[in-house]
Amino acid sequence: MEVKSCPFIGGTPAMRPAPRRETPPAEAPPTAPGDGFARSFDDRPERMGSLPLAAGGACPEAVPAEKPPARSEARSAPPVVLMEELPETSQADEMRTVLGGITAEKESYGMKMQPPCAEADITRLQREVKKKLHAELPPEFTSFLRLTDGLDYDGLVIFGHKTQPIAGCEKRALDGVVEANRRLRDNEELKAFLVLGESEDSLYAFDPKAARFVTLDNGSLERGTAFKTFGELFLDAMQSFA
């Protein structure tokens, strides 16, 4: 099929270029900005590739230009932020969100969360940990106790300031930090740690020598992942129960 015209570019029909002459004329008339293919494709409108086809089919001379990348594609992707790189305030917010979800789930079954630990009880616990366990209670853990005085959720236990009944389930008890560590320290190896919680498979502890929160296998005591803050340890533990 013979093509008689090209698409409109810049509002002016594209014309075929004049045949070459052996000898150029003394004065060549200036070329109008929109005539034919006098301009290079680089000077064409960016959306040339999306212009409508001319009647009778596409013009063989007009090769559609590639579309520039979309603005969102041109931007570099944001860096992936690992949990250990999050500021402590962000971890605290995330921990509150997780605890809020647990609270809603417990309430749907007629159960309750442990109430926040009173400041006087935290102060008392700090003294007992130092006196009876010869350890220091990590400040990050006391921040958790201010949100909830221990936790018993789906097999994950975080110790409270003392052994006490589980809220909404008076027949079951939640271990306190001191009582739980005295029980666990029958194993000499655990005297190097302050254990803050446990599950069927893991112990969640603070290693004072390394100044890190760690997971330990609840059996072999093989050391697992280490974390800078208790918030990281808790959120990682919760992912195991998701």
Protein backbone atom coordinates (compact mmCIF):
# COMPACT_ATOMS: atom_id res chain seq x y z
CA MET A 1 0.00 0.00 0.00
CA GLU A 2 1.43 3.42 -0.90
CA VAL A 3 1.79 5.78 2.00
CA LYS A 4 0.82 9.32 1.07
CA SER A 5 1.26 11.18 4.31
CA CYS A 6 2.97 11.07 7.71
CA PRO A 7 1.58 11.87 11.17
CA PHE A 8 1.18 15.44 12.23
CA ILE A 9 4.20 16.62 14.18
CA GLY A 10 4.04 19.96 15.93
CA GLY A 11 0.80 20.80 14.09
CA THR A 12 2.40 20.73 10.58
CA PRO A 13 2.07 17.82 8.14
CA ALA A 14 5.41 16.08 7.60
CA MET A 15 6.52 16.39 3.96
CA ARG A 16 8.96 14.28 1.98
CA PRO A 17 12.39 15.94 1.64
CA ALA A 18 13.25 17.54 -1.69
CA PRO A 19 15.50 15.47 -3.98
CA ARG A 20 19.19 16.25 -3.76
CA ARG A 21 20.66 18.51 -6.43
CA GLU A 22 24.03 18.12 -8.07
CA THR A 23 24.86 21.79 -7.48
CA PRO A 24 23.28 23.62 -4.53
CA PRO A 25 21.46 26.85 -5.41
CA ALA A 26 23.17 30.13 -4.69
CA GLU A 27 20.64 30.96 -1.99
CA ALA A 28 18.73 28.13 -0.40
CA PRO A 29 15.42 29.20 1.16
CA PRO A 30 15.38 28.79 4.94
CA THR A 31 13.72 25.66 6.23
CA ALA A 32 10.63 26.21 8.35
CA PRO A 33 10.88 24.70 11.83
CA GLY A 34 8.02 22.26 11.22
CA ASP A 35 8.83 21.20 7.63
CA GLY A 36 9.39 17.52 6.85
CA PHE A 37 12.14 15.73 8.76
CA ALA A 38 14.50 18.70 8.75
CA ARG A 39 14.72 18.44 12.57
CA SER A 40 16.33 15.41 14.17
CA PHE A 41 14.20 12.97 16.16
CA ASP A 42 15.91 14.24 19.29
CA ASP A 43 14.13 17.58 18.74
CA ARG A 44 10.70 16.00 18.30
CA PRO A 45 8.06 16.17 21.04
CA GLU A 46 8.63 13.62 23.81
CA ARG A 47 5.31 11.90 23.13
CA MET A 48 6.00 11.27 19.46
CA GLY A 49 5.70 7.53 19.97
CA SER A 50 2.09 7.93 21.11
CA LEU A 51 0.87 10.10 18.19
CA PRO A 52 -2.04 8.69 16.12
CA LEU A 53 -1.25 6.89 12.86
CA ALA A 54 -1.83 8.60 9.56
CA ALA A 55 -4.62 7.40 7.31
CA GLY A 56 -3.56 4.29 5.46
CA GLY A 57 -1.05 3.02 8.04
CA ALA A 58 2.14 4.05 9.78
CA CYS A 59 4.68 6.19 8.06
CA PRO A 60 7.77 4.04 7.29
CA GLU A 61 10.17 6.94 7.85
CA ALA A 62 8.83 7.89 11.28
CA VAL A 63 10.36 5.56 13.88
CA PRO A 64 8.60 6.10 17.23
CA ALA A 65 10.93 7.46 19.86
CA GLU A 66 11.21 5.61 23.13
CA LYS A 67 9.13 7.03 25.92
CA PRO A 68 11.13 8.63 28.71
CA PRO A 69 10.86 6.68 31.96
CA ALA A 70 7.97 7.64 34.19
CA ARG A 71 8.85 10.04 36.96
CA SER A 72 8.41 7.32 39.59
CA GLU A 73 10.64 4.93 37.60
CA ALA A 74 13.35 7.54 37.13
CA ARG A 75 13.76 7.97 40.87
CA SER A 76 16.03 5.60 42.68
CA ALA A 77 14.31 3.14 44.99
CA PRO A 78 14.40 4.05 48.70
CA PRO A 79 16.99 2.14 50.71
CA VAL A 80 15.80 -0.93 52.56
CA VAL A 81 15.81 -0.23 56.27
CA LEU A 82 16.62 -3.21 58.43
CA MET A 83 15.00 -3.60 61.82
CA GLU A 84 18.30 -3.11 63.64
CA GLU A 85 18.74 0.22 61.83
CA LEU A 86 15.45 1.67 63.02
CA PRO A 87 15.65 4.35 65.72
CA GLU A 88 14.65 3.18 69.18
CA THR A 89 11.58 5.46 69.07
CA SER A 90 10.35 3.67 65.93
CA GLN A 91 10.86 0.29 67.60
CA ALA A 92 8.88 1.48 70.63
CA ASP A 93 6.03 2.60 68.36
CA GLU A 94 6.08 -0.73 66.56
CA MET A 95 6.09 -2.58 69.90
CA ARG A 96 3.05 -0.58 71.05
CA THR A 97 1.28 -1.44 67.79
CA VAL A 98 1.98 -5.16 68.25
CA LEU A 99 0.83 -5.06 71.87
CA GLY A 100 -2.31 -3.21 70.79
CA GLY A 101 -3.12 -6.04 68.38
CA ILE A 102 -2.57 -8.64 71.12
CA THR A 103 -4.83 -6.65 73.45
CA ALA A 104 -7.64 -6.61 70.89
CA GLU A 105 -7.27 -10.35 70.26
CA LYS A 106 -7.29 -11.18 73.98
CA GLU A 107 -10.35 -9.01 74.57
CA SER A 108 -12.21 -10.81 71.79
CA TYR A 109 -11.80 -13.99 73.88
CA GLY A 110 -12.78 -12.28 77.12
CA MET A 111 -9.16 -12.09 78.35
CA LYS A 112 -7.02 -9.15 79.41
CA MET A 113 -3.46 -7.88 79.13
CA GLN A 114 -1.30 -7.57 82.20
CA PRO A 115 -1.59 -3.99 83.57
CA PRO A 116 1.43 -1.67 83.24
CA CYS A 117 4.03 -2.10 85.94
CA ALA A 118 4.10 0.65 88.58
CA GLU A 119 7.29 2.69 88.95
CA ALA A 120 7.68 1.57 92.58
CA ASP A 121 7.56 -2.07 91.45
CA ILE A 122 10.18 -1.41 88.73
CA THR A 123 12.48 0.19 91.29
CA ARG A 124 12.00 -2.79 93.60
CA LEU A 125 12.73 -5.21 90.77
CA GLN A 126 15.95 -3.37 89.86
CA ARG A 127 17.17 -3.76 93.44
CA GLU A 128 16.25 -7.46 93.59
CA VAL A 129 17.92 -8.26 90.27
CA LYS A 130 21.11 -6.62 91.46
CA LYS A 131 21.02 -8.25 94.90
CA LYS A 132 19.78 -11.75 94.08
CA LEU A 133 21.00 -12.26 90.50
CA HIS A 134 24.09 -10.00 90.56
CA ALA A 135 22.94 -8.36 87.33
CA GLU A 136 21.56 -5.06 86.05
CA LEU A 137 18.05 -4.81 84.65
CA PRO A 138 18.30 -3.38 81.10
CA PRO A 139 16.49 -0.01 80.73
CA GLU A 140 14.86 -1.22 77.48
CA PHE A 141 13.16 -4.02 79.41
CA THR A 142 11.80 -1.65 82.06
CA SER A 143 10.26 0.36 79.18
CA PHE A 144 8.43 -2.82 78.13
CA LEU A 145 7.20 -3.39 81.70
CA ARG A 146 5.73 0.13 81.69
CA LEU A 147 3.53 -0.99 78.79
CA THR A 148 2.57 -4.39 80.19
CA ASP A 149 3.81 -6.17 83.32
CA GLY A 150 4.80 -9.34 81.47
CA LEU A 151 3.12 -11.21 78.65
CA ASP A 152 1.71 -14.68 78.03
CA TYR A 153 0.66 -15.00 74.39
CA ASP A 154 0.41 -18.10 72.22
CA GLY A 155 3.36 -19.83 73.87
CA LEU A 156 5.54 -16.73 74.18
CA VAL A 157 6.20 -15.64 77.77
CA ILE A 158 7.87 -12.39 78.82
CA PHE A 159 8.45 -12.29 82.58
CA GLY A 160 6.85 -9.68 84.82
CA HIS A 161 8.22 -7.81 87.82
CA LYS A 162 7.15 -10.73 90.03
CA THR A 163 5.26 -14.03 89.79
CA GLN A 164 1.56 -13.17 89.55
CA PRO A 165 -1.73 -14.54 88.18
CA ILE A 166 -2.33 -14.07 84.46
CA ALA A 167 -4.95 -11.36 83.93
CA GLY A 168 -8.29 -12.95 83.11
CA CYS A 169 -6.98 -16.45 83.90
CA GLU A 170 -6.46 -16.57 87.66
CA LYS A 171 -5.63 -20.30 87.71
CA ARG A 172 -2.41 -19.73 85.75
CA ALA A 173 0.64 -17.77 86.87
CA LEU A 174 3.14 -15.62 84.99
CA ASP A 175 6.72 -15.92 86.23
CA GLY A 176 8.63 -12.94 87.56
CA VAL A 177 12.15 -12.14 86.36
CA VAL A 178 13.89 -13.08 89.63
CA GLU A 179 11.90 -16.28 90.23
CA ALA A 180 12.33 -17.47 86.63
CA ASN A 181 16.11 -16.89 86.62
CA ARG A 182 16.57 -18.69 89.92
CA ARG A 183 14.79 -21.68 88.39
CA LEU A 184 16.72 -21.54 85.13
CA ARG A 185 20.11 -21.04 86.81
CA ASP A 186 20.12 -24.64 87.90
CA ASN A 187 21.99 -24.81 84.62
CA GLU A 188 25.34 -23.19 85.36
CA GLU A 189 25.69 -21.82 81.82
CA LEU A 190 22.66 -19.57 82.27
CA LYS A 191 24.28 -17.70 85.15
CA ALA A 192 26.06 -15.62 82.50
CA PHE A 193 22.71 -14.33 81.21
CA LEU A 194 19.66 -12.51 82.52
CA VAL A 195 16.74 -14.39 80.99
CA LEU A 196 13.75 -12.13 80.29
CA GLY A 197 11.37 -14.56 78.60
CA GLU A 198 10.95 -17.99 77.09
CA SER A 199 9.01 -20.17 74.70
CA GLU A 200 8.98 -23.88 74.01
CA ASP A 201 11.96 -23.52 71.65
CA SER A 202 13.86 -20.44 72.82
CA LEU A 203 15.07 -18.40 75.75
CA TYR A 204 15.19 -14.61 75.37
CA ALA A 205 18.02 -13.15 77.40
CA PHE A 206 20.38 -10.24 77.97
CA ASP A 207 24.11 -10.93 77.71
CA PRO A 208 25.82 -8.30 79.91
CA LYS A 209 29.32 -9.06 78.62
CA ALA A 210 28.35 -8.47 75.00
CA ALA A 211 25.76 -5.82 75.90
CA ARG A 212 23.33 -7.56 73.53
CA PHE A 213 19.94 -9.22 73.75
CA VAL A 214 20.15 -12.77 72.44
CA THR A 215 18.08 -15.84 71.69
CA LEU A 216 19.22 -19.18 73.09
CA ASP A 217 18.01 -22.63 72.17
CA ASN A 218 15.77 -23.83 75.00
CA GLY A 219 17.65 -27.07 75.46
CA SER A 220 21.12 -26.99 73.97
CA LEU A 221 21.53 -23.25 74.84
CA GLU A 222 23.08 -22.73 71.42
CA ARG A 223 23.39 -19.02 70.83
CA GLY A 224 21.17 -17.56 68.12
CA THR A 225 20.54 -14.04 66.86
CA ALA A 226 21.84 -11.04 68.81
CA PHE A 227 20.02 -7.69 68.99
CA LYS A 228 20.96 -4.22 70.14
CA THR A 229 17.69 -3.50 71.96
CA PHE A 230 14.93 -5.41 73.69
CA GLY A 231 12.47 -3.97 71.18
CA GLU A 232 14.28 -5.76 68.34
CA LEU A 233 14.35 -9.00 70.31
CA PHE A 234 10.64 -8.81 71.12
CA LEU A 235 9.54 -7.97 67.58
CA ASP A 236 11.67 -10.79 66.19
CA ALA A 237 10.15 -13.20 68.69
CA MET A 238 6.64 -12.08 67.71
CA GLN A 239 7.38 -12.81 64.05
CA SER A 240 8.05 -16.41 65.03
CA PHE A 241 4.51 -16.62 66.41
CA ALA A 242 2.82 -14.76 63.52
